PDB file of N, CA and C in Angstrom:
ATOM      1  N   MET A   1       1.037 -22.645 -15.959  1.00  0.00           N
ATOM      2  CA  MET A   1       0.288 -21.650 -15.519  1.00  0.00           C
ATOM      3  C   MET A   1       1.308 -20.446 -15.086  1.00  0.00           C
ATOM      4  N   PRO A   2       1.128 -19.232 -15.646  1.00  0.00           N
ATOM      5  CA  PRO A   2       2.140 -18.204 -15.286  1.00  0.00           C
ATOM      6  C   PRO A   2       2.139 -17.902 -13.794  1.00  0.00           C
ATOM      7  N   GLN A   3       3.280 -17.553 -13.271  1.00  0.00           N
ATOM      8  CA  GLN A   3       3.429 -17.274 -12.008  1.00  0.00           C
ATOM      9  C   GLN A   3       2.546 -16.133 -11.478  1.00  0.00           C
ATOM     10  N   ASN A   4       2.255 -15.127 -12.256  1.00  0.00           N
ATOM     11  CA  ASN A   4       1.506 -14.019 -11.799  1.00  0.00           C
ATOM     12  C   ASN A   4       0.046 -14.556 -11.479  1.00  0.00           C
ATOM     13  N   ASN A   5      -0.551 -15.481 -12.362  1.00  0.00           N
ATOM     14  CA  ASN A   5      -1.857 -16.017 -12.152  1.00  0.00           C
ATOM     15  C   ASN A   5      -1.881 -16.875 -10.813  1.00  0.00           C
ATOM     16  N   LEU A   6      -0.762 -17.675 -10.708  1.00  0.00           N
ATOM     17  CA  LEU A   6      -0.740 -18.440  -9.542  1.00  0.00           C
ATOM     18  C   LEU A   6      -0.848 -17.607  -8.280  1.00  0.00           C
ATOM     19  N   ALA A   7      -0.041 -16.482  -8.258  1.00  0.00           N
ATOM     20  CA  ALA A   7      -0.116 -15.585  -7.045  1.00  0.00           C
ATOM     21  C   ALA A   7      -1.552 -14.988  -6.854  1.00  0.00           C
ATOM     22  N   GLN A   8      -2.100 -14.614  -8.001  1.00  0.00           N
ATOM     23  CA  GLN A   8      -3.487 -14.033  -7.863  1.00  0.00           C
ATOM     24  C   GLN A   8      -4.550 -15.044  -7.412  1.00  0.00           C
ATOM     25  N   ASN A   9      -4.414 -16.300  -7.841  1.00  0.00           N
ATOM     26  CA  ASN A   9      -5.287 -17.241  -7.522  1.00  0.00           C
ATOM     27  C   ASN A   9      -5.155 -17.717  -5.997  1.00  0.00           C
ATOM     28  N   SER A  10      -3.980 -17.507  -5.516  1.00  0.00           N
ATOM     29  CA  SER A  10      -3.813 -17.947  -4.194  1.00  0.00           C
ATOM     30  C   SER A  10      -4.039 -16.913  -3.142  1.00  0.00           C
ATOM     31  N   LEU A  11      -4.492 -15.735  -3.425  1.00  0.00           N
ATOM     32  CA  LEU A  11      -4.797 -14.622  -2.501  1.00  0.00           C
ATOM     33  C   LEU A  11      -5.841 -15.075  -1.501  1.00  0.00           C
ATOM     34  N   PRO A  12      -5.667 -14.770  -0.262  1.00  0.00           N
ATOM     35  CA  PRO A  12      -6.906 -14.932   0.614  1.00  0.00           C
ATOM     36  C   PRO A  12      -8.115 -14.265   0.291  1.00  0.00           C
ATOM     37  N   PRO A  13      -9.231 -14.723   0.491  1.00  0.00           N
ATOM     38  CA  PRO A  13     -10.435 -14.035   0.213  1.00  0.00           C
ATOM     39  C   PRO A  13     -10.508 -12.663   0.914  1.00  0.00           C
ATOM     40  N   GLU A  14     -10.042 -12.418   2.063  1.00  0.00           N
ATOM     41  CA  GLU A  14      -9.992 -11.147   2.720  1.00  0.00           C
ATOM     42  C   GLU A  14      -9.210 -10.092   1.850  1.00  0.00           C
ATOM     43  N   ILE A  15      -8.125 -10.582   1.288  1.00  0.00           N
ATOM     44  CA  ILE A  15      -7.281  -9.571   0.516  1.00  0.00           C
ATOM     45  C   ILE A  15      -8.048  -9.255  -0.847  1.00  0.00           C
ATOM     46  N   ILE A  16      -8.648 -10.308  -1.426  1.00  0.00           N
ATOM     47  CA  ILE A  16      -9.383 -10.040  -2.675  1.00  0.00           C
ATOM     48  C   ILE A  16     -10.496  -8.997  -2.422  1.00  0.00           C
ATOM     49  N   HIS A  17     -11.208  -9.165  -1.336  1.00  0.00           N
ATOM     50  CA  HIS A  17     -12.280  -8.169  -0.860  1.00  0.00           C
ATOM     51  C   HIS A  17     -11.714  -6.877  -0.555  1.00  0.00           C
ATOM     52  N   THR A  18     -10.571  -6.775  -0.012  1.00  0.00           N
ATOM     53  CA  THR A  18     -10.099  -5.430   0.102  1.00  0.00           C
ATOM     54  C   THR A  18      -9.609  -4.803  -1.102  1.00  0.00           C
ATOM     55  N   ILE A  19      -9.088  -5.404  -1.965  1.00  0.00           N
ATOM     56  CA  ILE A  19      -8.663  -4.852  -3.370  1.00  0.00           C
ATOM     57  C   ILE A  19      -9.953  -4.462  -4.070  1.00  0.00           C
ATOM     58  N   SER A  20     -10.893  -5.278  -3.935  1.00  0.00           N
ATOM     59  CA  SER A  20     -12.121  -4.857  -4.545  1.00  0.00           C
ATOM     60  C   SER A  20     -12.799  -3.593  -3.917  1.00  0.00           C
ATOM     61  N   GLN A  21     -12.679  -3.404  -2.689  1.00  0.00           N
ATOM     62  CA  GLN A  21     -13.123  -2.209  -1.967  1.00  0.00           C
ATOM     63  C   GLN A  21     -12.283  -1.050  -2.359  1.00  0.00           C
ATOM     64  N   LEU A  22     -10.896  -1.255  -2.494  1.00  0.00           N
ATOM     65  CA  LEU A  22     -10.091  -0.103  -2.992  1.00  0.00           C
ATOM     66  C   LEU A  22     -10.445   0.338  -4.395  1.00  0.00           C
ATOM     67  N   GLY A  23     -10.767  -0.551  -5.244  1.00  0.00           N
ATOM     68  CA  GLY A  23     -11.142  -0.193  -6.569  1.00  0.00           C
ATOM     69  C   GLY A  23     -12.474   0.551  -6.550  1.00  0.00           C
ATOM     70  N   GLU A  24     -13.428   0.092  -5.759  1.00  0.00           N
ATOM     71  CA  GLU A  24     -14.728   0.752  -5.549  1.00  0.00           C
ATOM     72  C   GLU A  24     -14.482   2.253  -5.120  1.00  0.00           C
ATOM     73  N   ARG A  25     -13.518   2.389  -4.133  1.00  0.00           N
ATOM     74  CA  ARG A  25     -13.351   3.739  -3.554  1.00  0.00           C
ATOM     75  C   ARG A  25     -12.792   4.613  -4.666  1.00  0.00           C
ATOM     76  N   ILE A  26     -11.817   4.099  -5.456  1.00  0.00           N
ATOM     77  CA  ILE A  26     -11.364   4.985  -6.525  1.00  0.00           C
ATOM     78  C   ILE A  26     -12.422   5.259  -7.500  1.00  0.00           C
ATOM     79  N   ARG A  27     -13.346   4.334  -7.866  1.00  0.00           N
ATOM     80  CA  ARG A  27     -14.439   4.679  -8.746  1.00  0.00           C
ATOM     81  C   ARG A  27     -15.346   5.806  -8.232  1.00  0.00           C
ATOM     82  N   ILE A  28     -15.599   5.696  -6.867  1.00  0.00           N
ATOM     83  CA  ILE A  28     -16.513   6.700  -6.189  1.00  0.00           C
ATOM     84  C   ILE A  28     -15.756   8.044  -6.251  1.00  0.00           C
ATOM     85  N   ALA A  29     -14.462   8.163  -6.030  1.00  0.00           N
ATOM     86  CA  ALA A  29     -13.671   9.412  -5.902  1.00  0.00           C
ATOM     87  C   ALA A  29     -13.739  10.000  -7.402  1.00  0.00           C
ATOM     88  N   ARG A  30     -13.641   9.095  -8.386  1.00  0.00           N
ATOM     89  CA  ARG A  30     -13.608   9.637  -9.855  1.00  0.00           C
ATOM     90  C   ARG A  30     -15.011  10.291 -10.115  1.00  0.00           C
ATOM     91  N   LYS A  31     -16.073   9.591  -9.731  1.00  0.00           N
ATOM     92  CA  LYS A  31     -17.459   9.970  -9.969  1.00  0.00           C
ATOM     93  C   LYS A  31     -17.722  11.257  -9.250  1.00  0.00           C
ATOM     94  N   ARG A  32     -17.305  11.354  -7.991  1.00  0.00           N
ATOM     95  CA  ARG A  32     -17.555  12.644  -7.166  1.00  0.00           C
ATOM     96  C   ARG A  32     -16.979  13.846  -7.795  1.00  0.00           C
ATOM     97  N   ARG A  33     -15.773  13.567  -8.454  1.00  0.00           N
ATOM     98  CA  ARG A  33     -15.097  14.668  -9.204  1.00  0.00           C
ATOM     99  C   ARG A  33     -15.508  14.817 -10.723  1.00  0.00           C
ATOM    100  N   ALA A  34     -16.660  14.202 -11.057  1.00  0.00           N
ATOM    101  CA  ALA A  34     -17.178  14.233 -12.343  1.00  0.00           C
ATOM    102  C   ALA A  34     -16.121  13.999 -13.450  1.00  0.00           C
ATOM    103  N   ILE A  35     -15.385  13.071 -13.317  1.00  0.00           N
ATOM    104  CA  ILE A  35     -14.168  12.770 -14.278  1.00  0.00           C
ATOM    105  C   ILE A  35     -14.595  11.475 -14.990  1.00  0.00           C
ATOM    106  N   THR A  36     -14.614  11.454 -16.262  1.00  0.00           N
ATOM    107  CA  THR A  36     -14.939  10.251 -17.026  1.00  0.00           C
ATOM    108  C   THR A  36     -13.790   9.276 -16.982  1.00  0.00           C
ATOM    109  N   MET A  37     -13.906   8.083 -17.246  1.00  0.00           N
ATOM    110  CA  MET A  37     -13.060   7.039 -17.341  1.00  0.00           C
ATOM    111  C   MET A  37     -11.909   7.332 -18.350  1.00  0.00           C
ATOM    112  N   GLU A  38     -12.349   7.996 -19.422  1.00  0.00           N
ATOM    113  CA  GLU A  38     -11.384   8.272 -20.463  1.00  0.00           C
ATOM    114  C   GLU A  38     -10.510   9.366 -19.921  1.00  0.00           C
ATOM    115  N   GLU A  39     -10.985  10.332 -19.251  1.00  0.00           N
ATOM    116  CA  GLU A  39     -10.257  11.526 -18.752  1.00  0.00           C
ATOM    117  C   GLU A  39      -9.259  11.010 -17.653  1.00  0.00           C
ATOM    118  N   LEU A  40      -9.710  10.158 -16.770  1.00  0.00           N
ATOM    119  CA  LEU A  40      -8.782   9.718 -15.658  1.00  0.00           C
ATOM    120  C   LEU A  40      -7.727   8.701 -16.246  1.00  0.00           C
ATOM    121  N   SER A  41      -8.084   7.822 -17.161  1.00  0.00           N
ATOM    122  CA  SER A  41      -7.122   6.936 -17.692  1.00  0.00           C
ATOM    123  C   SER A  41      -6.102   7.659 -18.480  1.00  0.00           C
ATOM    124  N   SER A  42      -6.536   8.791 -19.173  1.00  0.00           N
ATOM    125  CA  SER A  42      -5.530   9.673 -19.817  1.00  0.00           C
ATOM    126  C   SER A  42      -4.566  10.341 -18.877  1.00  0.00           C
ATOM    127  N   ARG A  43      -5.065  10.759 -17.831  1.00  0.00           N
ATOM    128  CA  ARG A  43      -4.164  11.403 -16.795  1.00  0.00           C
ATOM    129  C   ARG A  43      -3.251  10.441 -16.117  1.00  0.00           C
ATOM    130  N   MET A  44      -3.634   9.130 -16.067  1.00  0.00           N
ATOM    131  CA  MET A  44      -2.789   8.155 -15.568  1.00  0.00           C
ATOM    132  C   MET A  44      -1.904   7.584 -16.542  1.00  0.00           C
ATOM    133  N   PHE A  45      -2.014   7.822 -17.724  1.00  0.00           N
ATOM    134  CA  PHE A  45      -1.249   7.294 -18.885  1.00  0.00           C
ATOM    135  C   PHE A  45      -1.495   5.823 -18.978  1.00  0.00           C
ATOM    136  N   VAL A  46      -2.607   5.319 -18.817  1.00  0.00           N
ATOM    137  CA  VAL A  46      -3.010   3.954 -18.989  1.00  0.00           C
ATOM    138  C   VAL A  46      -4.275   3.935 -19.865  1.00  0.00           C
ATOM    139  N   ASN A  47      -4.659   2.761 -20.465  1.00  0.00           N
ATOM    140  CA  ASN A  47      -5.871   2.640 -21.236  1.00  0.00           C
ATOM    141  C   ASN A  47      -7.160   2.517 -20.333  1.00  0.00           C
ATOM    142  N   ARG A  48      -8.252   2.745 -21.042  1.00  0.00           N
ATOM    143  CA  ARG A  48      -9.493   2.693 -20.274  1.00  0.00           C
ATOM    144  C   ARG A  48      -9.736   1.267 -19.603  1.00  0.00           C
ATOM    145  N   LYS A  49      -9.230   0.220 -20.383  1.00  0.00           N
ATOM    146  CA  LYS A  49      -9.490  -1.150 -19.879  1.00  0.00           C
ATOM    147  C   LYS A  49      -8.789  -1.374 -18.619  1.00  0.00           C
ATOM    148  N   THR A  50      -7.551  -0.863 -18.447  1.00  0.00           N
ATOM    149  CA  THR A  50      -6.813  -0.961 -17.171  1.00  0.00           C
ATOM    150  C   THR A  50      -7.433  -0.233 -16.059  1.00  0.00           C
ATOM    151  N   LEU A  51      -7.969   0.903 -16.321  1.00  0.00           N
ATOM    152  CA  LEU A  51      -8.711   1.668 -15.258  1.00  0.00           C
ATOM    153  C   LEU A  51     -10.036   0.837 -14.868  1.00  0.00           C
ATOM    154  N   TYR A  52     -10.623   0.349 -15.821  1.00  0.00           N
ATOM    155  CA  TYR A  52     -11.890  -0.472 -15.604  1.00  0.00           C
ATOM    156  C   TYR A  52     -11.466  -1.690 -14.638  1.00  0.00           C
ATOM    157  N   ARG A  53     -10.268  -2.259 -14.945  1.00  0.00           N
ATOM    158  CA  ARG A  53      -9.961  -3.434 -14.136  1.00  0.00           C
ATOM    159  C   ARG A  53      -9.535  -3.013 -12.757  1.00  0.00           C
ATOM    160  N   LEU A  54      -9.005  -1.883 -12.594  1.00  0.00           N
ATOM    161  CA  LEU A  54      -8.633  -1.334 -11.321  1.00  0.00           C
ATOM    162  C   LEU A  54      -9.967  -0.921 -10.479  1.00  0.00           C
ATOM    163  N   GLU A  55     -10.903  -0.379 -11.073  1.00  0.00           N
ATOM    164  CA  GLU A  55     -12.051  -0.046 -10.367  1.00  0.00           C
ATOM    165  C   GLU A  55     -13.002  -1.316 -10.059  1.00  0.00           C
ATOM    166  N   LYS A  56     -12.811  -2.469 -10.792  1.00  0.00           N
ATOM    167  CA  LYS A  56     -13.508  -3.568 -10.587  1.00  0.00           C
ATOM    168  C   LYS A  56     -12.834  -4.524  -9.436  1.00  0.00           C
ATOM    169  N   GLY A  57     -11.539  -4.089  -9.106  1.00  0.00           N
ATOM    170  CA  GLY A  57     -10.884  -4.727  -7.982  1.00  0.00           C
ATOM    171  C   GLY A  57     -10.079  -6.031  -8.554  1.00  0.00           C
ATOM    172  N   ASP A  58      -9.502  -5.921  -9.843  1.00  0.00           N
ATOM    173  CA  ASP A  58      -8.702  -6.945 -10.318  1.00  0.00           C
ATOM    174  C   ASP A  58      -7.335  -6.947  -9.642  1.00  0.00           C
ATOM    175  N   PRO A  59      -6.972  -8.139  -8.935  1.00  0.00           N
ATOM    176  CA  PRO A  59      -5.738  -8.127  -8.258  1.00  0.00           C
ATOM    177  C   PRO A  59      -4.351  -8.109  -9.114  1.00  0.00           C
ATOM    178  N   GLY A  60      -4.806  -8.279 -10.372  1.00  0.00           N
ATOM    179  CA  GLY A  60      -3.576  -8.294 -11.438  1.00  0.00           C
ATOM    180  C   GLY A  60      -3.106  -6.893 -11.826  1.00  0.00           C
ATOM    181  N   VAL A  61      -3.837  -5.778 -11.394  1.00  0.00           N
ATOM    182  CA  VAL A  61      -3.470  -4.566 -11.714  1.00  0.00           C
ATOM    183  C   VAL A  61      -2.307  -4.095 -10.825  1.00  0.00           C
ATOM    184  N   SER A  62      -1.378  -3.494 -11.468  1.00  0.00           N
ATOM    185  CA  SER A  62      -0.056  -3.141 -10.706  1.00  0.00           C
ATOM    186  C   SER A  62      -0.226  -2.065  -9.692  1.00  0.00           C
ATOM    187  N   LEU A  63       0.627  -2.085  -8.645  1.00  0.00           N
ATOM    188  CA  LEU A  63       0.640  -1.054  -7.642  1.00  0.00           C
ATOM    189  C   LEU A  63       0.871   0.291  -8.246  1.00  0.00           C
ATOM    190  N   SER A  64       1.632   0.424  -9.270  1.00  0.00           N
ATOM    191  CA  SER A  64       1.943   1.554  -9.936  1.00  0.00           C
ATOM    192  C   SER A  64       0.707   2.199 -10.503  1.00  0.00           C
ATOM    193  N   VAL A  65      -0.111   1.389 -11.085  1.00  0.00           N
ATOM    194  CA  VAL A  65      -1.353   1.935 -11.679  1.00  0.00           C
ATOM    195  C   VAL A  65      -2.357   2.421 -10.505  1.00  0.00           C
ATOM    196  N   PHE A  66      -2.389   1.801  -9.509  1.00  0.00           N
ATOM    197  CA  PHE A  66      -3.068   2.092  -8.315  1.00  0.00           C
ATOM    198  C   PHE A  66      -2.636   3.455  -7.734  1.00  0.00           C
ATOM    199  N   ALA A  67      -1.282   3.613  -7.616  1.00  0.00           N
ATOM    200  CA  ALA A  67      -0.676   4.828  -7.126  1.00  0.00           C
ATOM    201  C   ALA A  67      -1.069   6.013  -8.092  1.00  0.00           C
ATOM    202  N   SER A  68      -0.887   5.688  -9.384  1.00  0.00           N
ATOM    203  CA  SER A  68      -1.247   6.648 -10.390  1.00  0.00           C
ATOM    204  C   SER A  68      -2.592   7.241 -10.171  1.00  0.00           C
ATOM    205  N   ALA A  69      -3.526   6.282 -10.087  1.00  0.00           N
ATOM    206  CA  ALA A  69      -4.995   6.737  -9.882  1.00  0.00           C
ATOM    207  C   ALA A  69      -5.138   7.572  -8.750  1.00  0.00           C
ATOM    208  N   LEU A  70      -4.521   7.240  -7.617  1.00  0.00           N
ATOM    209  CA  LEU A  70      -4.644   8.105  -6.423  1.00  0.00           C
ATOM    210  C   LEU A  70      -3.962   9.519  -6.621  1.00  0.00           C
ATOM    211  N   TRP A  71      -2.859   9.481  -7.445  1.00  0.00           N
ATOM    212  CA  TRP A  71      -2.099  10.772  -7.713  1.00  0.00           C
ATOM    213  C   TRP A  71      -3.030  11.565  -8.563  1.00  0.00           C
ATOM    214  N   ALA A  72      -3.715  11.013  -9.689  1.00  0.00           N
ATOM    215  CA  ALA A  72      -4.530  11.740 -10.575  1.00  0.00           C
ATOM    216  C   ALA A  72      -5.777  12.241  -9.874  1.00  0.00           C
ATOM    217  N   LEU A  73      -6.191  11.559  -8.690  1.00  0.00           N
ATOM    218  CA  LEU A  73      -7.337  12.083  -8.028  1.00  0.00           C
ATOM    219  C   LEU A  73      -6.988  13.026  -6.919  1.00  0.00           C
ATOM    220  N   GLY A  74      -5.710  13.202  -6.754  1.00  0.00           N
ATOM    221  CA  GLY A  74      -5.284  14.027  -5.555  1.00  0.00           C
ATOM    222  C   GLY A  74      -5.380  13.274  -4.175  1.00  0.00           C
ATOM    223  N   LEU A  75      -5.302  12.083  -4.197  1.00  0.00           N
ATOM    224  CA  LEU A  75      -5.401  11.333  -3.000  1.00  0.00           C
ATOM    225  C   LEU A  75      -4.127  10.579  -2.654  1.00  0.00           C
ATOM    226  N   ASP A  76      -3.022  10.939  -3.403  1.00  0.00           N
ATOM    227  CA  ASP A  76      -1.800  10.190  -3.242  1.00  0.00           C
ATOM    228  C   ASP A  76      -1.092  10.420  -1.825  1.00  0.00           C
ATOM    229  N   LYS A  77      -1.437  11.309  -1.080  1.00  0.00           N
ATOM    230  CA  LYS A  77      -0.868  11.540   0.264  1.00  0.00           C
ATOM    231  C   LYS A  77      -1.223  10.410   1.214  1.00  0.00           C
ATOM    232  N   ASP A  78      -2.375   9.732   0.914  1.00  0.00           N
ATOM    233  CA  ASP A  78      -2.860   8.674   1.768  1.00  0.00           C
ATOM    234  C   ASP A  78      -1.875   7.515   1.549  1.00  0.00           C
ATOM    235  N   LEU A  79      -1.151   7.369   0.478  1.00  0.00           N
ATOM    236  CA  LEU A  79      -0.339   6.224   0.337  1.00  0.00           C
ATOM    237  C   LEU A  79       0.841   6.199   1.454  1.00  0.00           C
ATOM    238  N   LEU A  80       1.116   7.179   2.018  1.00  0.00           N
ATOM    239  CA  LEU A  80       2.108   7.327   3.073  1.00  0.00           C
ATOM    240  C   LEU A  80       1.544   6.741   4.392  1.00  0.00           C
ATOM    241  N   LYS A  81       0.268   6.485   4.436  1.00  0.00           N
ATOM    242  CA  LYS A  81      -0.426   5.882   5.746  1.00  0.00           C
ATOM    243  C   LYS A  81      -0.324   4.495   5.696  1.00  0.00           C
ATOM    244  N   ILE A  82      -0.014   3.819   4.602  1.00  0.00           N
ATOM    245  CA  ILE A  82       0.108   2.364   4.542  1.00  0.00           C
ATOM    246  C   ILE A  82       1.331   1.792   5.174  1.00  0.00           C
ATOM    247  N   ALA A  83       1.126   0.882   6.036  1.00  0.00           N
ATOM    248  CA  ALA A  83       2.225   0.091   6.707  1.00  0.00           C
ATOM    249  C   ALA A  83       3.071   1.078   7.562  1.00  0.00           C
ATOM    250  N   LEU A  84       2.566   1.975   8.247  1.00  0.00           N
ATOM    251  CA  LEU A  84       3.337   2.889   9.085  1.00  0.00           C
ATOM    252  C   LEU A  84       3.980   2.020  10.181  1.00  0.00           C
ATOM    253  N   PRO A  85       5.357   2.366  10.382  1.00  0.00           N
ATOM    254  CA  PRO A  85       6.027   1.628  11.452  1.00  0.00           C
ATOM    255  C   PRO A  85       5.338   1.691  12.763  1.00  0.00           C
ATOM    256  N   GLU A  86       4.876   2.999  12.972  1.00  0.00           N
ATOM    257  CA  GLU A  86       4.246   3.396  14.233  1.00  0.00           C
ATOM    258  C   GLU A  86       2.981   2.462  14.542  1.00  0.00           C
ATOM    259  N   GLN A  87       2.372   1.982  13.550  1.00  0.00           N
ATOM    260  CA  GLN A  87       1.146   1.313  13.588  1.00  0.00           C
ATOM    261  C   GLN A  87       1.475  -0.275  13.606  1.00  0.00           C
ATOM    262  N   ASP A  88       2.646  -0.604  13.473  1.00  0.00           N
ATOM    263  CA  ASP A  88       2.942  -2.133  13.428  1.00  0.00           C
ATOM    264  C   ASP A  88       3.020  -2.669  14.776  1.00  0.00           C
ATOM    265  N   HIS A  89       1.970  -3.094  15.310  1.00  0.00           N
ATOM    266  CA  HIS A  89       1.789  -3.509  16.778  1.00  0.00           C
ATOM    267  C   HIS A  89       2.520  -4.827  17.036  1.00  0.00           C
ATOM    268  N   VAL A  90       2.508  -5.686  16.045  1.00  0.00           N
ATOM    269  CA  VAL A  90       3.229  -6.997  16.192  1.00  0.00           C
ATOM    270  C   VAL A  90       4.771  -6.757  16.110  1.00  0.00           C
ATOM    271  N   GLY A  91       5.195  -5.835  15.205  1.00  0.00           N
ATOM    272  CA  GLY A  91       6.655  -5.642  15.170  1.00  0.00           C
ATOM    273  C   GLY A  91       7.126  -4.884  16.369  1.00  0.00           C
ATOM    274  N   ILE A  92       6.371  -3.938  16.912  1.00  0.00           N
ATOM    275  CA  ILE A  92       6.813  -3.290  18.104  1.00  0.00           C
ATOM    276  C   ILE A  92       6.783  -4.176  19.244  1.00  0.00           C
ATOM    277  N   PHE A  93       5.874  -5.161  19.380  1.00  0.00           N
ATOM    278  CA  PHE A  93       5.873  -6.075  20.469  1.00  0.00           C
ATOM    279  C   PHE A  93       7.075  -6.924  20.400  1.00  0.00           C
ATOM    280  N   ASN A  94       7.351  -7.494  19.222  1.00  0.00           N
ATOM    281  CA  ASN A  94       8.472  -8.333  18.940  1.00  0.00           C
ATOM    282  C   ASN A  94       9.861  -7.523  19.266  1.00  0.00           C
ATOM    283  N   GLU A  95      10.002  -6.265  18.855  1.00  0.00           N
ATOM    284  CA  GLU A  95      11.136  -5.535  19.060  1.00  0.00           C
ATOM    285  C   GLU A  95      11.388  -5.273  20.649  1.00  0.00           C
ATOM    286  N   ARG A  96      10.286  -5.082  21.330  1.00  0.00           N
ATOM    287  CA  ARG A  96      10.461  -4.903  22.786  1.00  0.00           C
ATOM    288  C   ARG A  96      10.749  -6.188  23.575  1.00  0.00           C
ATOM    289  N   LYS A  97      10.374  -7.251  22.959  1.00  0.00           N
ATOM    290  CA  LYS A  97      10.779  -8.624  23.553  1.00  0.00           C
ATOM    291  C   LYS A  97      12.219  -8.832  23.432  1.00  0.00           C
ATOM    292  N   ARG A  98      12.793  -8.306  22.320  1.00  0.00           N
ATOM    293  CA  ARG A  98      14.264  -8.543  22.046  1.00  0.00           C
ATOM    294  C   ARG A  98      15.224  -7.476  22.918  1.00  0.00           C
ATOM    295  N   LEU A  99      14.618  -6.556  23.499  1.00  0.00           N
ATOM    296  CA  LEU A  99      15.409  -5.639  24.321  1.00  0.00           C
ATOM    297  C   LEU A  99      15.952  -6.427  25.636  1.00  0.00           C
ATOM    298  N   PRO A 100      17.148  -5.940  25.904  1.00  0.00           N
ATOM    299  CA  PRO A 100      17.872  -6.673  27.088  1.00  0.00           C
ATOM    300  C   PRO A 100      17.012  -6.338  28.363  1.00  0.00           C
ATOM    301  N   LYS A 101      17.038  -7.201  29.327  1.00  0.00           N
ATOM    302  CA  LYS A 101      16.373  -7.009  30.571  1.00  0.00           C
ATOM    303  C   LYS A 101      17.151  -5.853  31.408  1.00  0.00           C
ATOM    304  N   ARG A 102      18.410  -5.853  31.314  1.00  0.00           N
ATOM    305  CA  ARG A 102      19.268  -4.816  32.041  1.00  0.00           C
ATOM    306  C   ARG A 102      20.350  -4.220  31.031  1.00  0.00           C
ATOM    307  N   VAL A 103      20.703  -3.007  31.392  1.00  0.00           N
ATOM    308  CA  VAL A 103      21.744  -2.504  30.590  1.00  0.00           C
ATOM    309  C   VAL A 103      22.807  -2.094  31.688  1.00  0.00           C
ATOM    310  N   ARG A 104      24.021  -2.614  31.197  1.00  0.00           N
ATOM    311  CA  ARG A 104      25.263  -2.419  32.068  1.00  0.00           C
ATOM    312  C   ARG A 104      26.137  -1.403  31.537  1.00  0.00           C
ATOM    313  N   ALA A 105      26.800  -0.649  32.469  1.00  0.00           N
ATOM    314  CA  ALA A 105      27.718   0.374  31.999  1.00  0.00           C
ATOM    315  C   ALA A 105      28.839  -0.213  31.228  1.00  0.00           C
ATOM    316  N   SER A 106      29.362   0.526  30.404  1.00  0.00           N
ATOM    317  CA  SER A 106      30.608   0.075  29.617  1.00  0.00           C
ATOM    318  C   SER A 106      31.768  -0.080  30.425  1.00  0.00           C
ATOM    319  N   LYS A 107      32.553  -1.067  30.193  1.00  0.00           N
ATOM    320  CA  LYS A 107      33.797  -1.237  30.972  1.00  0.00           C
ATOM    321  C   LYS A 107      35.008  -0.412  30.466  1.00  0.00           C
ATOM    322  N   ARG A 108      34.705   0.227  29.218  1.00  0.00           N
ATOM    323  CA  ARG A 108      35.752   1.067  28.676  1.00  0.00           C
ATOM    324  C   ARG A 108      35.840   2.421  29.329  1.00  0.00           C
ATOM    325  N   SER A 109      36.989   2.751  29.948  1.00  0.00           N
ATOM    326  CA  SER A 109      37.084   4.027  30.800  1.00  0.00           C
ATOM    327  C   SER A 109      37.591   5.051  29.758  1.00  0.00           C
ATOM    328  N   ASP A 110      38.032   4.738  28.581  1.00  0.00           N
ATOM    329  CA  ASP A 110      38.553   5.856  27.788  1.00  0.00           C
ATOM    330  C   ASP A 110      37.597   6.578  26.964  1.00  0.00           C
ATOM    331  N   GLU A 111      36.300   6.278  27.140  1.00  0.00           N
ATOM    332  CA  GLU A 111      35.194   6.934  26.328  1.00  0.00           C
ATOM    333  C   GLU A 111      35.026   8.392  26.935  1.00  0.00           C
ATOM    334  N   LEU A 112      35.358   8.592  28.309  1.00  0.00           N
ATOM    335  CA  LEU A 112      34.983   9.912  28.829  1.00  0.00           C
ATOM    336  C   LEU A 112      36.294  10.594  29.219  1.00  0.00           C
ATOM    337  N   ASP A 113      37.372  10.212  28.638  1.00  0.00           N
ATOM    338  CA  ASP A 113      38.654  10.762  28.991  1.00  0.00           C
ATOM    339  C   ASP A 113      38.819  12.111  28.231  1.00  0.00           C
ATOM    340  N   PHE A 114      38.939  13.154  28.882  1.00  0.00           N
ATOM    341  CA  PHE A 114      38.979  14.481  28.264  1.00  0.00           C
ATOM    342  C   PHE A 114      40.467  14.846  28.176  1.00  0.00           C
TER     343      PHE A 114
END
């Protein structure tokens, strides 16, 4: 079994559902703009079948195709909202746990020597 299929088959159900929702959102955005699948796939430089797979939530569609669809629809700025460090609550919590309890003054006296 190819490694790609193994990775896709082992995805958690929540992730599969999320990918499906993203595809549906792209489909809705395309329809609201009255853009056909042929037009959008042409703007994305992919074939119609790839766009169909993206809109159906196929987890095998590459991230670059997803980003290309957002760009073609004018929604690419939203990509910058994914995995914001400021929103990483677990990472921030772990970082704060690693901070020292106290901070001591440096013993080097030559730092402030004018």
